[in-house]
């Protein structure tokens, strides 16, 4: 059977759109130019405790080792921005929980993988049996460099893929295939001199253009890291209890983002703009029920509470927050460490409130005494 690969490529992109992908591109598997930068990133320890990133080494730059016989990668983009994102409204309410917008709906991994599998089946119906395998964050693969080669966008200074027509509010998935399809041309980097993402990062995690130190990143600290959050980053976390979108929020190209067509990515009522104390009072059974089918579920109940504890420490003084925190004492050493810090912060704010309602002269005297200065200073 003779295959017209150019005609097949046109069909693949059409099928991709019909399956809910907004952009489908094709590239070869040569990622050698990214090996040195990947090794430097690992050597610097920027991967933190994500040991699996170092364990797989340079395999990430060799898709053909993941699926022998692979000669092309079909890279697909699916937009996820929910219509009710309300970024500012959530971030400006410190007593409410901010959850990264990609995780407020259904977990994207299974949904996209099933669509990619279906795309492979459609190709097979056209060509007969061939080798293919879908991936969605499920294997050591450099998905952003592949997507960049496939013409889906360019890597921004925050290290995320950017598209001039869609910004960065999208997921990526790959279908590794053994068919020598014609490849797409990469898109030119259009960030220019803009450094908004770098200067807006709450913890200074973007240490160089395109280089993120995960150990400082709020997304890493609240999702990938399951230990004691370093005290130097706790206040900067604010009310972000799962992930962080700040570097995307300030990006000029996100003005062009479209709302997702997938209802599964819309915000769940149980997670959307909920108060910190409401979420903190969930039992483990309630946590598992309310996060069923969500990416959030994988961090577990204790880490969920740890993140909420930090956010409650950052919230304005509230006697209900203090009471709620105290009720969790003794559940785990990890939690107690963060509870002690959060209660200290709440106590400091309470004292500040009490001082500020006093007459100005009295406030001044209190502050002088606190500084250890003589009263006639």
Protein backbone atom coordinates (compact mmCIF):
# COMPACT_ATOMS: atom_id res chain seq x y z
CA UNK A 1 0.00 0.00 0.00
CA UNK A 2 1.41 3.37 -1.05
CA UNK A 3 0.81 6.22 1.43
CA UNK A 4 0.65 9.84 0.36
CA UNK A 5 2.19 11.35 3.52
CA UNK A 6 1.36 14.94 2.63
CA UNK A 7 -2.29 14.11 2.15
CA UNK A 8 -2.22 12.05 5.35
CA UNK A 9 -0.75 15.01 7.25
CA UNK A 10 -3.63 17.23 6.18
CA UNK A 11 -6.10 14.59 7.38
CA UNK A 12 -4.29 14.15 10.70
CA UNK A 13 -4.56 17.86 11.46
CA UNK A 14 -8.24 17.86 10.54
CA UNK A 15 -8.90 14.83 12.73
CA UNK A 16 -7.04 16.54 15.54
CA UNK A 17 -9.32 19.57 15.36
CA UNK A 18 -12.38 17.31 15.32
CA UNK A 19 -11.06 15.58 18.46
CA UNK A 20 -10.86 18.89 20.32
CA UNK A 21 -7.25 19.95 19.76
CA UNK A 22 -6.76 23.58 18.78
CA UNK A 23 -3.40 23.02 17.06
CA UNK A 24 -1.61 19.93 15.79
CA UNK A 25 1.98 19.99 14.51
CA UNK A 26 4.58 17.44 13.45
CA UNK A 27 8.34 17.29 14.06
CA UNK A 28 11.29 14.89 13.92
CA UNK A 29 12.87 13.39 17.04
CA UNK A 30 16.24 15.17 17.03
CA UNK A 31 16.56 17.06 20.34
CA UNK A 32 20.35 16.96 20.66
CA UNK A 33 20.58 20.74 20.86
CA UNK A 34 18.66 20.65 24.17
CA UNK A 35 20.85 18.08 25.92
CA UNK A 36 23.51 20.49 27.21
CA UNK A 37 20.95 22.89 28.72
CA UNK A 38 19.05 20.01 30.33
CA UNK A 39 22.27 18.71 31.89
CA UNK A 40 23.20 22.17 33.20
CA UNK A 41 19.75 22.51 34.75
CA UNK A 42 20.09 19.15 36.48
CA UNK A 43 23.66 19.83 37.60
CA UNK A 44 22.51 23.09 39.20
CA UNK A 45 19.95 21.13 41.25
CA UNK A 46 17.08 23.18 39.84
CA UNK A 47 14.90 20.05 39.69
CA UNK A 48 14.75 19.99 43.51
CA UNK A 49 13.50 16.67 44.84
CA UNK A 50 12.05 15.57 41.50
CA UNK A 51 14.60 12.75 41.38
CA UNK A 52 12.89 11.10 38.43
CA UNK A 53 14.06 13.98 36.23
CA UNK A 54 17.71 13.17 36.92
CA UNK A 55 17.15 9.42 37.00
CA UNK A 56 16.08 9.27 33.36
CA UNK A 57 19.00 11.43 32.26
CA UNK A 58 19.21 12.22 28.57
CA UNK A 59 16.44 9.78 27.65
CA UNK A 60 14.17 12.82 27.79
CA UNK A 61 15.89 14.08 24.63
CA UNK A 62 15.48 10.76 22.79
CA UNK A 63 11.81 9.98 22.05
CA UNK A 64 12.88 7.06 19.86
CA UNK A 65 14.21 5.33 22.98
CA UNK A 66 10.81 5.60 24.65
CA UNK A 67 9.09 4.02 21.67
CA UNK A 68 11.56 2.22 19.39
CA UNK A 69 11.03 2.95 15.72
CA UNK A 70 9.71 6.47 16.31
CA UNK A 71 10.67 8.90 13.54
CA UNK A 72 8.05 11.64 14.07
CA UNK A 73 6.16 13.23 16.93
CA UNK A 74 2.64 14.60 16.55
CA UNK A 75 2.35 17.41 19.09
CA UNK A 76 -1.13 18.59 20.05
CA UNK A 77 -2.43 21.60 21.96
CA UNK A 78 -5.66 21.71 23.95
CA UNK A 79 -6.80 25.00 25.53
CA UNK A 80 -7.96 24.87 29.15
CA UNK A 81 -8.78 28.43 30.28
CA UNK A 82 -12.15 28.20 32.07
CA UNK A 83 -14.77 30.91 31.45
CA UNK A 84 -15.01 31.70 35.16
CA UNK A 85 -11.26 32.13 35.78
CA UNK A 86 -11.64 35.30 37.94
CA UNK A 87 -7.92 35.57 38.65
CA UNK A 88 -7.79 38.95 40.36
CA UNK A 89 -10.97 38.31 42.34
CA UNK A 90 -9.42 35.17 43.85
CA UNK A 91 -5.89 36.49 44.44
CA UNK A 92 -7.22 39.67 46.05
CA UNK A 93 -9.23 37.72 48.64
CA UNK A 94 -6.56 36.35 51.00
CA UNK A 95 -9.14 34.49 53.08
CA UNK A 96 -10.12 32.44 49.99
CA UNK A 97 -8.09 29.69 48.33
CA UNK A 98 -6.39 30.27 44.99
CA UNK A 99 -5.98 27.12 42.89
CA UNK A 100 -4.11 27.14 39.59
CA UNK A 101 -6.71 27.33 36.82
CA UNK A 102 -5.52 24.19 35.02
CA UNK A 103 -6.52 22.05 37.99
CA UNK A 104 -9.98 23.39 38.84
CA UNK A 105 -11.66 20.94 36.46
CA UNK A 106 -11.06 17.36 35.43
CA UNK A 107 -7.53 15.93 35.32
CA UNK A 108 -6.35 16.49 31.76
CA UNK A 109 -4.01 13.49 31.53
CA UNK A 110 -6.59 10.81 30.82
CA UNK A 111 -8.77 13.02 28.63
CA UNK A 112 -5.94 14.05 26.29
CA UNK A 113 -4.37 10.61 26.23
CA UNK A 114 -7.68 9.09 25.12
CA UNK A 115 -8.01 11.71 22.36
CA UNK A 116 -4.45 11.00 21.17
CA UNK A 117 -5.14 7.27 21.19
CA UNK A 118 -8.23 7.90 19.09
CA UNK A 119 -6.12 9.96 16.68
CA UNK A 120 -3.74 7.01 16.35
CA UNK A 121 -6.68 4.72 15.59
CA UNK A 122 -7.94 7.06 12.87
CA UNK A 123 -4.50 7.09 11.27
CA UNK A 124 -4.38 3.30 11.46
CA UNK A 125 -7.71 3.04 9.67
CA UNK A 126 -6.16 5.06 6.86
CA UNK A 127 -2.72 3.42 6.66
CA UNK A 128 -3.12 -0.03 8.12
CA UNK A 129 -1.14 -1.20 11.22
CA UNK A 130 1.71 1.10 12.28
CA UNK A 131 3.59 1.87 15.49
CA UNK A 132 2.32 4.65 17.73
CA UNK A 133 2.14 5.57 21.41
CA UNK A 134 0.49 8.54 23.16
CA UNK A 135 2.11 10.50 26.00
CA UNK A 136 0.71 13.16 28.34
CA UNK A 137 3.21 13.94 31.12
CA UNK A 138 3.48 10.17 31.46
CA UNK A 139 7.09 9.58 30.43
CA UNK A 140 10.48 11.32 30.40
CA UNK A 141 10.08 13.41 27.27
CA UNK A 142 10.90 17.04 26.45
CA UNK A 143 7.40 17.99 25.37
CA UNK A 144 7.95 21.75 25.07
CA UNK A 145 10.98 21.53 22.77
CA UNK A 146 9.03 19.01 20.68
CA UNK A 147 6.00 21.30 20.52
CA UNK A 148 8.29 24.19 19.59
CA UNK A 149 9.83 22.17 16.73
CA UNK A 150 6.32 21.20 15.62
CA UNK A 151 5.37 24.86 15.22
CA UNK A 152 2.97 25.16 18.17
CA UNK A 153 4.80 28.16 19.61
CA UNK A 154 8.05 29.23 21.24
CA UNK A 155 9.50 28.85 24.72
CA UNK A 156 8.90 32.00 26.77
CA UNK A 157 11.19 33.41 29.43
CA UNK A 158 9.08 31.64 32.06
CA UNK A 159 9.99 28.34 30.27
CA UNK A 160 6.38 27.68 29.22
CA UNK A 161 5.34 27.35 25.60
CA UNK A 162 3.75 30.49 24.16
CA UNK A 163 1.53 30.88 21.13
CA UNK A 164 0.79 34.24 19.50
CA UNK A 165 -2.82 33.17 19.06
CA UNK A 166 -3.40 31.35 22.36
CA UNK A 167 -0.93 32.62 24.94
CA UNK A 168 -0.01 29.81 27.32
CA UNK A 169 -3.29 28.55 28.78
CA UNK A 170 -3.10 25.12 27.16
CA UNK A 171 -2.02 21.52 27.69
CA UNK A 172 0.31 19.55 25.45
CA UNK A 173 0.25 15.93 24.40
CA UNK A 174 2.35 13.82 22.06
CA UNK A 175 1.74 10.90 19.75
CA UNK A 176 4.98 9.11 18.86
CA UNK A 177 4.73 7.43 15.44
CA UNK A 178 6.90 5.49 12.99
CA UNK A 179 5.56 7.19 9.85
CA UNK A 180 7.89 9.65 8.03
CA UNK A 181 5.38 12.50 7.78
CA UNK A 182 6.49 15.93 6.54
CA UNK A 183 7.43 18.21 9.43
CA UNK A 184 6.28 21.72 10.36
CA UNK A 185 8.42 24.83 10.73
CA UNK A 186 9.13 26.28 14.19
CA UNK A 187 7.64 29.66 15.11
CA UNK A 188 9.90 32.63 15.78
CA UNK A 189 10.36 33.67 19.42
CA UNK A 190 8.38 36.87 19.94
CA UNK A 191 9.06 37.71 23.59
CA UNK A 192 11.45 40.49 22.66
CA UNK A 193 12.67 42.54 25.63
CA UNK A 194 9.64 41.77 27.81
CA UNK A 195 10.56 40.35 31.24
CA UNK A 196 7.17 40.71 32.93
CA UNK A 197 7.06 37.03 33.86
CA UNK A 198 10.51 37.18 35.46
CA UNK A 199 9.91 40.30 37.53
CA UNK A 200 6.43 39.23 38.69
CA UNK A 201 7.39 35.80 40.07
CA UNK A 202 6.59 36.02 43.82
CA UNK A 203 9.62 33.93 44.83
CA UNK A 204 12.11 34.88 42.11
CA UNK A 205 12.06 31.35 40.70
CA UNK A 206 12.86 32.41 37.11
CA UNK A 207 16.59 32.76 37.61
CA UNK A 208 17.51 33.25 33.94
CA UNK A 209 15.57 33.66 30.72
CA UNK A 210 13.85 30.31 30.21
CA UNK A 211 15.39 28.81 33.38
CA UNK A 212 13.25 28.05 36.45
CA UNK A 213 14.70 26.96 39.78
CA UNK A 214 11.94 24.58 40.86
CA UNK A 215 13.06 24.80 44.48
CA UNK A 216 11.79 28.40 44.56
CA UNK A 217 8.69 27.87 42.41
CA UNK A 218 5.30 27.97 44.15
CA UNK A 219 3.91 25.30 41.82
CA UNK A 220 6.73 22.97 42.81
CA UNK A 221 6.49 23.82 46.51
CA UNK A 222 2.73 23.23 46.68
CA UNK A 223 2.48 20.23 44.33
CA UNK A 224 5.73 18.32 43.78
CA UNK A 225 7.38 18.98 47.15
CA UNK A 226 5.94 17.10 50.12
CA UNK A 227 8.25 18.31 52.90
CA UNK A 228 8.51 21.40 55.10
CA UNK A 229 8.12 24.51 52.95
CA UNK A 230 11.11 26.80 53.59
CA UNK A 231 10.06 29.72 55.75
CA UNK A 232 11.59 32.23 53.33
CA UNK A 233 8.91 31.38 50.74
CA UNK A 234 5.81 31.04 52.94
CA UNK A 235 4.64 34.65 52.91
CA UNK A 236 5.20 34.90 49.14
CA UNK A 237 2.89 31.92 48.63
CA UNK A 238 -0.01 34.05 49.82
CA UNK A 239 -3.31 32.21 49.33
CA UNK A 240 -2.02 29.95 46.53
CA UNK A 241 -2.74 26.45 47.80
CA UNK A 242 -2.17 24.48 44.58
CA UNK A 243 0.08 25.85 41.89
CA UNK A 244 0.64 29.41 40.74
CA UNK A 245 -0.34 31.30 37.57
CA UNK A 246 1.43 34.62 38.14
CA UNK A 247 3.98 34.36 35.33
CA UNK A 248 1.16 33.62 32.89
CA UNK A 249 -1.17 36.30 34.21
CA UNK A 250 1.23 39.11 33.32
CA UNK A 251 2.18 37.77 29.88
CA UNK A 252 0.95 40.11 27.10
CA UNK A 253 0.24 37.18 24.78
CA UNK A 254 -2.40 35.82 27.14
CA UNK A 255 -4.62 38.69 26.00
CA UNK A 256 -5.31 36.53 22.98
CA UNK A 257 -6.26 33.37 24.88
CA UNK A 258 -9.63 31.79 24.17
CA UNK A 259 -11.91 30.15 26.69
CA UNK A 260 -11.78 26.36 26.54
CA UNK A 261 -14.32 24.39 24.53
CA UNK A 262 -14.02 21.47 26.98
CA UNK A 263 -16.69 21.51 29.69
CA UNK A 264 -14.50 19.12 31.72
CA UNK A 265 -12.03 21.97 32.29
CA UNK A 266 -14.61 24.29 33.82
CA UNK A 267 -14.25 25.11 37.52
CA UNK A 268 -15.77 22.74 40.07
CA UNK A 269 -18.03 24.41 42.60
CA UNK A 270 -16.42 22.47 45.45
CA UNK A 271 -13.01 24.03 44.67
CA UNK A 272 -13.80 27.40 43.14
CA UNK A 273 -13.33 30.48 45.38
CA UNK A 274 -13.86 28.53 48.57
CA UNK A 275 -12.75 29.96 51.91
CA UNK A 276 -9.57 28.57 53.42
CA UNK A 277 -11.38 27.44 56.56
CA UNK A 278 -14.03 25.56 54.56
CA UNK A 279 -11.40 23.55 52.69
CA UNK A 280 -9.35 23.05 55.86
CA UNK A 281 -12.22 21.35 57.58
CA UNK A 282 -12.55 18.63 54.95
CA UNK A 283 -11.90 15.16 56.30
CA UNK A 284 -9.67 12.91 54.21
CA UNK A 285 -12.80 11.16 52.89
CA UNK A 286 -14.27 14.54 51.84
CA UNK A 287 -10.98 15.53 50.23
CA UNK A 288 -10.89 12.34 48.18
CA UNK A 289 -14.53 12.70 47.17
CA UNK A 290 -14.29 16.39 46.20
CA UNK A 291 -11.07 15.90 44.22
CA UNK A 292 -12.10 12.69 42.47
CA UNK A 293 -10.99 12.89 38.84
CA UNK A 294 -8.92 15.99 39.62
CA UNK A 295 -5.15 16.47 39.41
CA UNK A 296 -5.26 17.84 42.96
CA UNK A 297 -6.00 14.44 44.43
CA UNK A 298 -2.49 13.13 43.89
CA UNK A 299 -0.89 15.40 46.51
CA UNK A 300 -2.88 13.72 49.29
CA UNK A 301 -4.81 15.14 52.23
CA UNK A 302 -1.84 15.99 54.48
CA UNK A 303 -0.05 18.03 51.81
CA UNK A 304 -3.35 19.72 50.97
CA UNK A 305 -3.69 20.74 54.63
CA UNK A 306 -0.04 21.87 54.73
CA UNK A 307 -0.65 24.25 51.82
CA UNK A 308 -3.84 25.57 53.37
CA UNK A 309 -2.05 26.09 56.69
CA UNK A 310 0.51 28.37 55.03
CA UNK A 311 -2.27 30.33 53.30
CA UNK A 312 -4.13 30.72 56.60
CA UNK A 313 -0.96 32.05 58.16
CA UNK A 314 -0.91 34.69 55.42
CA UNK A 315 -4.58 35.63 55.81
CA UNK A 316 -5.80 38.64 57.81
CA UNK A 317 -6.34 37.92 61.50
CA UNK A 318 -9.47 35.90 62.10
CA UNK A 319 -10.36 34.12 65.34
CA UNK A 320 -12.05 31.37 63.27
CA UNK A 321 -8.77 30.73 61.46
CA UNK A 322 -6.93 30.46 64.78
CA UNK A 323 -9.52 28.04 66.14
CA UNK A 324 -9.52 25.96 62.95
CA UNK A 325 -5.72 25.70 62.94
CA UNK A 326 -5.57 24.68 66.59
CA UNK A 327 -8.03 21.85 65.94
CA UNK A 328 -5.53 20.20 63.58
CA UNK A 329 -2.66 20.16 66.07
CA UNK A 330 -1.14 16.74 66.64
CA UNK A 331 -2.23 15.16 63.35
CA UNK A 332 1.31 15.10 61.92
CA UNK A 333 4.72 16.60 62.60
CA UNK A 334 4.73 18.11 59.12
CA UNK A 335 1.43 19.85 59.74
CA UNK A 336 2.37 21.00 63.24
CA UNK A 337 5.48 22.77 61.93
CA UNK A 338 3.37 24.86 59.58
CA UNK A 339 0.56 25.33 62.11
CA UNK A 340 3.00 26.79 64.63
CA UNK A 341 4.20 29.27 62.01
CA UNK A 342 0.67 30.16 60.90
CA UNK A 343 -0.55 30.73 64.46
CA UNK A 344 2.47 32.95 65.13
CA UNK A 345 1.58 35.05 62.08
CA UNK A 346 -2.06 35.27 63.14
CA UNK A 347 -0.99 36.29 66.66
CA UNK A 348 1.26 39.03 65.26
CA UNK A 349 -1.61 40.43 63.20
CA UNK A 350 -3.93 40.31 66.19
CA UNK A 351 -1.46 42.36 68.24
CA UNK A 352 -1.14 44.84 65.40
CA UNK A 353 -4.90 45.29 65.27
CA UNK A 354 -5.08 45.83 69.04
CA UNK A 355 -2.32 48.45 68.92
CA UNK A 356 -3.81 50.31 65.96
CA UNK A 357 -7.12 50.97 67.76
CA UNK A 358 -5.29 52.85 70.52
CA UNK A 359 -4.66 56.60 70.43
CA UNK A 360 -1.74 57.65 68.23
CA UNK A 361 0.40 58.80 71.20
CA UNK A 362 -0.08 55.46 72.95
CA UNK A 363 0.78 53.57 69.77
CA UNK A 364 4.02 55.55 69.53
CA UNK A 365 4.97 54.76 73.13
CA UNK A 366 4.31 51.05 72.62
CA UNK A 367 6.49 50.92 69.53
CA UNK A 368 9.30 52.82 71.28
CA UNK A 369 9.25 50.36 74.17
CA UNK A 370 9.17 47.41 71.76
CA UNK A 371 12.33 48.75 70.09
CA UNK A 372 14.03 48.94 73.48
CA UNK A 373 14.58 52.68 73.21
CA UNK A 374 14.39 55.11 76.17
CA UNK A 375 10.96 56.68 76.68
CA UNK A 376 12.22 60.19 75.95
CA UNK A 377 13.56 59.15 72.53
